[in-house]
């Protein structure tokens, strides 16, 4: 199924001011049953429109579209401060983890349809969409196609690193 049909594009006065990019992922239970789900990231809002409710509206709209497309669960890696208010909860509350029984603090789950996840252990398997980013040389070549930019490490990136490398104790 193609899921790019403006599931997460925000326009104002004919200009794109925000977007959220989704990809297909899956949960796999201990018997090997695979449950198709969605993941997203990043949520992008033009700086002139940040902190004005556009990100919230964009996400809520995208959740409705995901349900229309037949999805009942979204799992993301994100800062809980940004997503708990949108209905995301700790992966530990849904028994969703990574291989090796690792429950990262940044692994967040949203049931679009209540009671979809039934308490069994689920292992999250992310998309392979970012695999090419591991090729540092190819990424550097790609970056040369754009105007040079100073690379910085933002405090939010450090927060995310901490959350994604810390775990919830079960």
N, C-alpha and C. Protein backbone atom coordinates (compact mmCIF):
# COMPACT_ATOMS: atom_id res chain seq x y z
N UNK A 1 0.85 -1.19 0.00
CA UNK A 1 0.00 0.00 0.00
C UNK A 1 0.88 1.24 0.00
N UNK A 2 0.57 2.17 -0.84
CA UNK A 2 1.26 3.46 -0.85
C UNK A 2 0.65 4.31 0.25
N UNK A 3 1.49 4.85 1.16
CA UNK A 3 0.93 5.64 2.26
C UNK A 3 1.43 7.08 2.23
N UNK A 4 1.89 7.55 1.09
CA UNK A 4 2.41 8.89 1.02
C UNK A 4 1.37 9.95 0.68
N UNK A 5 0.13 9.58 0.51
CA UNK A 5 -0.91 10.50 0.06
C UNK A 5 -1.27 11.52 1.14
N UNK A 6 -0.40 12.51 1.27
CA UNK A 6 -0.61 13.60 2.21
C UNK A 6 -1.07 13.14 3.59
N UNK A 7 -0.53 12.02 4.03
CA UNK A 7 -0.85 11.57 5.39
C UNK A 7 -0.31 12.59 6.39
N UNK A 8 0.75 13.27 6.03
CA UNK A 8 1.34 14.20 6.98
C UNK A 8 1.97 15.42 6.34
N UNK A 9 1.18 16.17 5.58
CA UNK A 9 1.68 17.39 4.95
C UNK A 9 0.78 18.54 5.38
N UNK A 10 1.38 19.64 5.81
CA UNK A 10 0.62 20.77 6.30
C UNK A 10 0.91 22.00 5.44
N UNK A 11 -0.15 22.57 4.89
CA UNK A 11 -0.03 23.76 4.06
C UNK A 11 -0.80 24.91 4.68
N UNK A 12 -0.29 26.12 4.49
CA UNK A 12 -0.98 27.33 4.93
C UNK A 12 -0.76 28.37 3.84
N UNK A 13 -1.84 28.91 3.32
CA UNK A 13 -1.77 29.92 2.26
C UNK A 13 -0.91 29.46 1.08
N UNK A 14 -1.06 28.18 0.71
CA UNK A 14 -0.35 27.65 -0.44
C UNK A 14 1.10 27.29 -0.21
N UNK A 15 1.59 27.46 1.01
CA UNK A 15 2.98 27.11 1.32
C UNK A 15 3.02 25.91 2.26
N UNK A 16 3.96 25.03 2.02
CA UNK A 16 4.16 23.90 2.94
C UNK A 16 4.86 24.45 4.18
N UNK A 17 4.21 24.27 5.34
CA UNK A 17 4.80 24.76 6.59
C UNK A 17 5.17 23.62 7.54
N UNK A 18 4.80 22.40 7.16
CA UNK A 18 5.15 21.28 8.03
C UNK A 18 4.91 19.94 7.37
N UNK A 19 5.59 18.93 7.89
CA UNK A 19 5.33 17.58 7.44
C UNK A 19 5.79 16.58 8.50
N UNK A 20 5.25 15.40 8.39
CA UNK A 20 5.68 14.28 9.21
C UNK A 20 5.79 13.10 8.25
N UNK A 21 6.90 12.38 8.36
CA UNK A 21 7.15 11.27 7.43
C UNK A 21 6.92 9.95 8.14
N UNK A 22 6.05 9.13 7.55
CA UNK A 22 5.71 7.82 8.08
C UNK A 22 6.40 6.73 7.27
N UNK A 23 6.61 5.59 7.90
CA UNK A 23 7.06 4.40 7.19
C UNK A 23 6.42 3.18 7.82
N UNK A 24 6.36 2.13 7.04
CA UNK A 24 5.80 0.86 7.53
C UNK A 24 6.85 0.17 8.38
N UNK A 25 6.42 -0.35 9.52
CA UNK A 25 7.27 -1.13 10.40
C UNK A 25 6.45 -2.31 10.89
N UNK A 26 6.97 -3.02 11.86
CA UNK A 26 6.18 -4.16 12.35
C UNK A 26 6.53 -4.50 13.78
N UNK A 27 5.58 -5.18 14.41
CA UNK A 27 5.78 -5.82 15.70
C UNK A 27 5.73 -7.32 15.44
N UNK A 28 6.60 -8.06 16.11
CA UNK A 28 6.61 -9.51 15.97
C UNK A 28 6.48 -10.11 17.37
N UNK A 29 5.53 -11.03 17.54
CA UNK A 29 5.37 -11.64 18.86
C UNK A 29 6.29 -12.86 18.98
N UNK A 30 6.26 -13.52 20.12
CA UNK A 30 7.18 -14.63 20.39
C UNK A 30 6.89 -15.87 19.54
N UNK A 31 5.71 -15.94 18.93
CA UNK A 31 5.40 -17.07 18.05
C UNK A 31 5.83 -16.79 16.61
N UNK A 32 6.25 -15.54 16.33
CA UNK A 32 6.64 -15.16 14.98
C UNK A 32 5.56 -14.42 14.21
N UNK A 33 4.38 -14.26 14.83
CA UNK A 33 3.30 -13.52 14.17
C UNK A 33 3.74 -12.07 13.97
N UNK A 34 3.56 -11.56 12.76
CA UNK A 34 3.96 -10.19 12.42
C UNK A 34 2.73 -9.29 12.32
N UNK A 35 2.78 -8.18 13.02
CA UNK A 35 1.70 -7.19 13.01
C UNK A 35 2.22 -5.94 12.31
N UNK A 36 1.64 -5.58 11.15
CA UNK A 36 2.07 -4.35 10.48
C UNK A 36 1.64 -3.12 11.26
N UNK A 37 2.55 -2.20 11.44
CA UNK A 37 2.28 -0.95 12.14
C UNK A 37 2.97 0.19 11.39
N UNK A 38 2.85 1.39 11.93
CA UNK A 38 3.54 2.55 11.37
C UNK A 38 4.50 3.14 12.38
N UNK A 39 5.46 3.86 11.84
CA UNK A 39 6.38 4.66 12.66
C UNK A 39 6.52 6.00 11.93
N UNK A 40 6.93 7.03 12.63
CA UNK A 40 7.16 8.30 11.95
C UNK A 40 8.35 9.02 12.55
N UNK A 41 8.76 10.02 11.85
CA UNK A 41 9.81 10.90 12.31
C UNK A 41 10.60 11.40 11.12
N UNK A 42 11.06 12.57 11.18
CA UNK A 42 10.76 13.57 12.21
C UNK A 42 9.47 14.32 11.89
N UNK A 43 9.00 15.06 12.88
CA UNK A 43 7.92 16.02 12.69
C UNK A 43 8.61 17.35 12.43
N UNK A 44 8.30 17.98 11.31
CA UNK A 44 8.96 19.23 10.94
C UNK A 44 7.93 20.35 10.77
N UNK A 45 8.14 21.43 11.48
CA UNK A 45 7.30 22.62 11.35
C UNK A 45 8.24 23.80 11.09
N UNK A 46 7.90 24.60 10.08
CA UNK A 46 8.71 25.78 9.76
C UNK A 46 8.87 26.64 11.02
N UNK A 47 10.06 27.16 11.28
CA UNK A 47 10.30 27.93 12.50
C UNK A 47 9.29 29.06 12.76
N UNK A 48 8.80 29.69 11.70
CA UNK A 48 7.83 30.78 11.88
C UNK A 48 6.50 30.30 12.46
N UNK A 49 6.25 29.00 12.40
CA UNK A 49 4.96 28.46 12.83
C UNK A 49 5.06 27.52 14.04
N UNK A 50 6.24 27.41 14.60
CA UNK A 50 6.42 26.53 15.75
C UNK A 50 5.77 27.12 17.00
N UNK A 51 5.34 26.23 17.89
CA UNK A 51 4.72 26.59 19.18
C UNK A 51 3.40 27.33 18.99
N UNK A 52 2.69 26.99 17.89
CA UNK A 52 1.40 27.61 17.62
C UNK A 52 0.30 26.58 17.39
N UNK A 53 0.60 25.31 17.69
CA UNK A 53 -0.41 24.26 17.56
C UNK A 53 -0.41 23.54 16.22
N UNK A 54 0.45 23.93 15.30
CA UNK A 54 0.46 23.30 13.98
C UNK A 54 0.97 21.86 14.05
N UNK A 55 1.99 21.62 14.85
CA UNK A 55 2.51 20.26 14.99
C UNK A 55 1.47 19.32 15.56
N UNK A 56 0.76 19.79 16.58
CA UNK A 56 -0.30 19.00 17.19
C UNK A 56 -1.38 18.68 16.14
N UNK A 57 -1.81 19.68 15.40
CA UNK A 57 -2.84 19.48 14.39
C UNK A 57 -2.37 18.51 13.31
N UNK A 58 -1.11 18.65 12.91
CA UNK A 58 -0.55 17.77 11.89
C UNK A 58 -0.54 16.32 12.36
N UNK A 59 -0.09 16.10 13.59
CA UNK A 59 -0.07 14.74 14.12
C UNK A 59 -1.47 14.16 14.24
N UNK A 60 -2.40 14.93 14.80
CA UNK A 60 -3.76 14.42 14.97
C UNK A 60 -4.38 14.06 13.63
N UNK A 61 -4.16 14.89 12.61
CA UNK A 61 -4.66 14.59 11.26
C UNK A 61 -4.01 13.30 10.74
N UNK A 62 -2.71 13.17 10.95
CA UNK A 62 -2.01 11.99 10.44
C UNK A 62 -2.49 10.72 11.15
N UNK A 63 -2.86 10.82 12.43
CA UNK A 63 -3.39 9.66 13.14
C UNK A 63 -4.72 9.21 12.50
N UNK A 64 -5.56 10.17 12.17
CA UNK A 64 -6.83 9.84 11.52
C UNK A 64 -6.60 9.16 10.17
N UNK A 65 -5.65 9.68 9.41
CA UNK A 65 -5.33 9.09 8.10
C UNK A 65 -4.79 7.67 8.26
N UNK A 66 -3.95 7.46 9.28
CA UNK A 66 -3.39 6.12 9.53
C UNK A 66 -4.50 5.12 9.81
N UNK A 67 -5.48 5.53 10.61
CA UNK A 67 -6.62 4.66 10.90
C UNK A 67 -7.39 4.35 9.62
N UNK A 68 -7.61 5.37 8.78
CA UNK A 68 -8.31 5.16 7.50
C UNK A 68 -7.57 4.17 6.62
N UNK A 69 -6.24 4.13 6.73
CA UNK A 69 -5.43 3.21 5.93
C UNK A 69 -5.37 1.82 6.56
N UNK A 70 -6.01 1.64 7.71
CA UNK A 70 -6.09 0.32 8.32
C UNK A 70 -5.06 0.03 9.40
N UNK A 71 -4.34 1.03 9.84
CA UNK A 71 -3.34 0.82 10.89
C UNK A 71 -3.95 1.11 12.26
N UNK A 72 -3.52 0.33 13.26
CA UNK A 72 -4.08 0.52 14.60
C UNK A 72 -3.03 0.87 15.65
N UNK A 73 -1.76 0.87 15.27
CA UNK A 73 -0.70 1.13 16.23
C UNK A 73 0.43 1.91 15.57
N UNK A 74 1.01 2.84 16.34
CA UNK A 74 2.20 3.58 15.92
C UNK A 74 3.25 3.40 17.00
N UNK A 75 4.46 3.09 16.60
CA UNK A 75 5.59 3.00 17.52
C UNK A 75 6.68 3.92 16.98
N UNK A 76 7.21 4.77 17.85
CA UNK A 76 8.26 5.71 17.45
C UNK A 76 9.40 5.71 18.45
N UNK A 77 10.50 6.26 18.03
CA UNK A 77 11.58 6.65 18.94
C UNK A 77 11.48 8.16 19.05
N UNK A 78 11.28 8.67 20.25
CA UNK A 78 11.14 10.11 20.43
C UNK A 78 11.31 10.50 21.88
N UNK A 79 11.43 11.79 22.09
CA UNK A 79 11.52 12.34 23.43
C UNK A 79 10.12 12.31 24.04
N UNK A 80 9.92 11.60 25.16
CA UNK A 80 8.58 11.53 25.75
C UNK A 80 7.96 12.89 26.01
N UNK A 81 8.78 13.90 26.32
CA UNK A 81 8.25 15.25 26.56
C UNK A 81 7.46 15.77 25.36
N UNK A 82 7.81 15.31 24.18
CA UNK A 82 7.15 15.79 22.96
C UNK A 82 5.92 14.99 22.55
N UNK A 83 5.77 13.76 23.07
CA UNK A 83 4.74 12.89 22.52
C UNK A 83 3.72 12.34 23.51
N UNK A 84 3.99 12.39 24.79
CA UNK A 84 3.04 11.86 25.77
C UNK A 84 1.70 12.60 25.68
N UNK A 85 1.74 13.90 25.45
CA UNK A 85 0.50 14.67 25.34
C UNK A 85 -0.32 14.27 24.11
N UNK A 86 0.29 13.60 23.15
CA UNK A 86 -0.40 13.13 21.95
C UNK A 86 -0.87 11.68 22.11
N UNK A 87 -0.78 11.14 23.32
CA UNK A 87 -1.31 9.81 23.59
C UNK A 87 -0.29 8.69 23.55
N UNK A 88 0.97 9.01 23.37
CA UNK A 88 2.01 7.98 23.38
C UNK A 88 2.33 7.61 24.81
N UNK A 89 2.65 6.32 25.01
CA UNK A 89 3.01 5.81 26.34
C UNK A 89 4.29 5.00 26.23
N UNK A 90 4.86 4.72 27.37
CA UNK A 90 6.07 3.91 27.44
C UNK A 90 5.85 2.56 26.79
N UNK A 91 6.84 2.10 26.07
CA UNK A 91 6.77 0.78 25.45
C UNK A 91 6.54 -0.31 26.49
N UNK A 92 7.03 -0.11 27.70
CA UNK A 92 6.89 -1.12 28.76
C UNK A 92 5.42 -1.34 29.12
N UNK A 93 4.60 -0.31 29.00
CA UNK A 93 3.17 -0.45 29.32
C UNK A 93 2.44 -1.36 28.34
N UNK A 94 3.01 -1.52 27.14
CA UNK A 94 2.40 -2.38 26.13
C UNK A 94 3.21 -3.65 25.89
N UNK A 95 4.28 -3.84 26.66
CA UNK A 95 5.16 -5.01 26.53
C UNK A 95 5.79 -5.06 25.14
N UNK A 96 6.19 -3.89 24.63
CA UNK A 96 6.87 -3.76 23.35
C UNK A 96 8.33 -3.44 23.63
N UNK A 97 9.22 -4.23 23.05
CA UNK A 97 10.65 -4.04 23.31
C UNK A 97 11.45 -4.29 22.04
N UNK A 98 12.74 -4.09 22.17
CA UNK A 98 13.67 -4.46 21.10
C UNK A 98 14.19 -5.86 21.41
N UNK A 99 14.82 -6.47 20.43
CA UNK A 99 15.42 -7.78 20.66
C UNK A 99 16.35 -7.67 21.86
N UNK A 100 16.40 -8.72 22.65
CA UNK A 100 17.21 -8.72 23.86
C UNK A 100 16.47 -8.17 25.06
N UNK A 101 15.16 -8.03 24.94
CA UNK A 101 14.31 -7.52 26.02
C UNK A 101 14.75 -6.13 26.51
N UNK A 102 15.14 -5.28 25.58
CA UNK A 102 15.54 -3.90 25.91
C UNK A 102 14.33 -2.99 25.69
N UNK A 103 13.93 -2.26 26.72
CA UNK A 103 12.79 -1.36 26.69
C UNK A 103 13.30 0.08 26.77
N UNK A 104 13.71 0.67 25.65
CA UNK A 104 14.28 2.02 25.69
C UNK A 104 13.25 3.07 26.15
N UNK A 105 13.72 4.02 26.92
CA UNK A 105 12.84 5.11 27.38
C UNK A 105 12.26 5.88 26.20
N UNK A 106 12.98 5.92 25.09
CA UNK A 106 12.53 6.67 23.92
C UNK A 106 11.60 5.88 23.01
N UNK A 107 11.39 4.60 23.29
CA UNK A 107 10.49 3.80 22.46
C UNK A 107 9.07 4.01 22.97
N UNK A 108 8.26 4.68 22.17
CA UNK A 108 6.92 5.11 22.58
C UNK A 108 5.86 4.46 21.69
N UNK A 109 4.74 4.13 22.31
CA UNK A 109 3.67 3.41 21.62
C UNK A 109 2.36 4.18 21.73
N UNK A 110 1.63 4.22 20.61
CA UNK A 110 0.28 4.80 20.60
C UNK A 110 -0.65 3.80 19.94
N UNK A 111 -1.65 3.38 20.68
CA UNK A 111 -2.70 2.56 20.09
C UNK A 111 -3.71 3.51 19.45
N UNK A 112 -3.85 3.43 18.15
CA UNK A 112 -4.85 4.24 17.46
C UNK A 112 -6.24 3.67 17.71
N UNK A 113 -6.30 2.37 17.88
CA UNK A 113 -7.53 1.66 18.22
C UNK A 113 -7.31 1.06 19.61
N UNK A 114 -8.08 1.48 20.60
CA UNK A 114 -7.86 1.00 21.98
C UNK A 114 -7.86 -0.53 22.09
N UNK A 115 -7.01 -1.02 22.97
CA UNK A 115 -6.89 -2.44 23.29
C UNK A 115 -6.42 -3.32 22.13
N UNK A 116 -5.73 -2.73 21.20
CA UNK A 116 -5.19 -3.47 20.06
C UNK A 116 -4.07 -4.41 20.50
N UNK A 117 -3.20 -3.91 21.37
CA UNK A 117 -2.10 -4.73 21.87
C UNK A 117 -2.60 -5.43 23.12
N UNK A 118 -2.48 -6.74 23.14
CA UNK A 118 -3.16 -7.54 24.16
C UNK A 118 -2.28 -8.01 25.32
N UNK A 119 -1.13 -7.38 25.51
CA UNK A 119 -0.29 -7.74 26.64
C UNK A 119 0.80 -8.75 26.32
N UNK A 120 0.67 -9.46 25.18
CA UNK A 120 1.75 -10.39 24.84
C UNK A 120 3.01 -9.59 24.54
N UNK A 121 4.16 -10.21 24.59
CA UNK A 121 5.41 -9.52 24.29
C UNK A 121 5.53 -9.30 22.79
N UNK A 122 5.85 -8.07 22.45
CA UNK A 122 6.05 -7.69 21.05
C UNK A 122 7.47 -7.17 20.89
N UNK A 123 8.11 -7.55 19.80
CA UNK A 123 9.43 -7.03 19.47
C UNK A 123 9.26 -6.05 18.31
N UNK A 124 9.78 -4.84 18.49
CA UNK A 124 9.67 -3.81 17.46
C UNK A 124 10.77 -4.01 16.43
N UNK A 125 10.38 -3.99 15.16
CA UNK A 125 11.32 -4.06 14.04
C UNK A 125 11.11 -2.82 13.20
N UNK A 126 12.08 -1.93 13.22
CA UNK A 126 11.97 -0.68 12.48
C UNK A 126 12.14 -0.87 10.98
N UNK A 127 11.93 0.21 10.28
CA UNK A 127 12.05 0.23 8.83
C UNK A 127 13.52 0.20 8.42
N UNK A 128 13.76 -0.30 7.24
CA UNK A 128 15.12 -0.29 6.69
C UNK A 128 15.37 0.98 5.87
N UNK A 129 14.43 1.93 5.91
CA UNK A 129 14.54 3.14 5.08
C UNK A 129 15.80 3.94 5.34
N UNK A 130 16.30 3.92 6.57
CA UNK A 130 17.49 4.72 6.88
C UNK A 130 18.79 3.94 6.71
N UNK A 131 18.72 2.69 6.27
CA UNK A 131 19.94 1.90 6.10
C UNK A 131 21.00 2.58 5.23
N UNK A 132 20.62 3.23 4.12
CA UNK A 132 21.64 3.88 3.30
C UNK A 132 22.41 4.98 4.04
N UNK A 133 21.85 5.52 5.11
CA UNK A 133 22.53 6.57 5.87
C UNK A 133 23.78 6.04 6.57
N UNK A 134 23.92 4.72 6.67
CA UNK A 134 25.11 4.13 7.27
C UNK A 134 26.33 4.22 6.36
N UNK A 135 26.11 4.52 5.09
CA UNK A 135 27.20 4.67 4.13
C UNK A 135 27.69 6.12 4.19
N UNK A 136 28.64 6.38 5.07
CA UNK A 136 29.12 7.74 5.33
C UNK A 136 29.60 8.43 4.07
N UNK A 137 30.32 7.71 3.22
CA UNK A 137 30.85 8.31 1.99
C UNK A 137 29.71 8.76 1.07
N UNK A 138 28.68 7.92 0.92
CA UNK A 138 27.53 8.27 0.07
C UNK A 138 26.77 9.46 0.66
N UNK A 139 26.65 9.51 1.97
CA UNK A 139 25.96 10.63 2.62
C UNK A 139 26.73 11.93 2.38
N UNK A 140 28.04 11.88 2.49
CA UNK A 140 28.86 13.08 2.24
C UNK A 140 28.72 13.55 0.80
N UNK A 141 28.69 12.62 -0.15
CA UNK A 141 28.49 12.97 -1.56
C UNK A 141 27.11 13.61 -1.77
N UNK A 142 26.10 13.04 -1.15
CA UNK A 142 24.75 13.58 -1.25
C UNK A 142 24.70 15.00 -0.66
N UNK A 143 25.32 15.19 0.49
CA UNK A 143 25.33 16.51 1.14
C UNK A 143 25.98 17.58 0.26
N UNK A 144 26.90 17.20 -0.61
CA UNK A 144 27.57 18.16 -1.49
C UNK A 144 26.60 18.78 -2.50
N UNK A 145 25.42 18.16 -2.67
CA UNK A 145 24.43 18.69 -3.61
C UNK A 145 23.72 19.92 -3.05
N UNK A 146 23.94 20.24 -1.78
CA UNK A 146 23.26 21.34 -1.11
C UNK A 146 24.27 22.38 -0.63
N UNK A 147 23.76 23.58 -0.37
CA UNK A 147 24.62 24.64 0.16
C UNK A 147 25.25 24.17 1.48
N UNK A 148 26.50 24.49 1.70
CA UNK A 148 27.17 24.07 2.95
C UNK A 148 26.44 24.61 4.17
N UNK A 149 26.42 23.80 5.21
CA UNK A 149 25.78 24.17 6.47
C UNK A 149 26.70 23.76 7.60
N UNK A 150 26.74 24.57 8.62
CA UNK A 150 27.54 24.22 9.79
C UNK A 150 26.81 23.11 10.56
N UNK A 151 27.53 22.03 10.83
CA UNK A 151 26.93 20.93 11.59
C UNK A 151 27.09 21.22 13.07
N UNK A 152 25.97 21.10 13.78
CA UNK A 152 25.96 21.39 15.21
C UNK A 152 25.32 20.23 15.95
N UNK A 153 25.61 20.15 17.23
CA UNK A 153 24.98 19.17 18.11
C UNK A 153 24.08 19.96 19.03
N UNK A 154 22.77 19.79 18.89
CA UNK A 154 21.79 20.54 19.66
C UNK A 154 21.50 19.84 21.00
N UNK A 155 21.12 20.60 22.02
CA UNK A 155 20.76 19.97 23.30
C UNK A 155 19.67 18.91 23.15
N UNK A 156 18.73 19.13 22.24
CA UNK A 156 17.67 18.13 22.05
C UNK A 156 18.24 16.81 21.54
N UNK A 157 19.32 16.87 20.78
CA UNK A 157 19.94 15.64 20.30
C UNK A 157 20.57 14.87 21.46
N UNK A 158 21.15 15.59 22.40
CA UNK A 158 21.73 14.93 23.57
C UNK A 158 20.63 14.31 24.43
N UNK A 159 19.51 15.03 24.58
CA UNK A 159 18.38 14.47 25.32
C UNK A 159 17.91 13.17 24.68
N UNK A 160 17.77 13.18 23.35
CA UNK A 160 17.32 11.99 22.65
C UNK A 160 18.32 10.85 22.82
N UNK A 161 19.60 11.17 22.74
CA UNK A 161 20.62 10.13 22.94
C UNK A 161 20.46 9.48 24.31
N UNK A 162 20.25 10.29 25.33
CA UNK A 162 20.08 9.77 26.69
C UNK A 162 18.84 8.88 26.76
N UNK A 163 17.70 9.37 26.26
CA UNK A 163 16.46 8.58 26.30
C UNK A 163 16.60 7.27 25.52
N UNK A 164 17.22 7.33 24.36
CA UNK A 164 17.27 6.14 23.50
C UNK A 164 18.28 5.11 23.99
N UNK A 165 19.21 5.52 24.85
CA UNK A 165 20.19 4.59 25.39
C UNK A 165 19.91 4.21 26.85
N UNK A 166 18.79 4.68 27.38
CA UNK A 166 18.37 4.34 28.73
C UNK A 166 17.16 3.41 28.62
N UNK A 167 16.95 2.60 29.65
CA UNK A 167 15.83 1.66 29.56
C UNK A 167 14.90 1.78 30.75
N UNK A 168 13.67 1.33 30.50
CA UNK A 168 12.66 1.25 31.54
C UNK A 168 12.87 -0.09 32.23
N UNK A 169 12.87 -0.10 33.54
CA UNK A 169 13.03 -1.34 34.29
C UNK A 169 11.66 -2.01 34.39
N UNK A 170 11.60 -3.29 34.05
CA UNK A 170 10.34 -4.04 34.10
C UNK A 170 10.40 -5.07 35.20
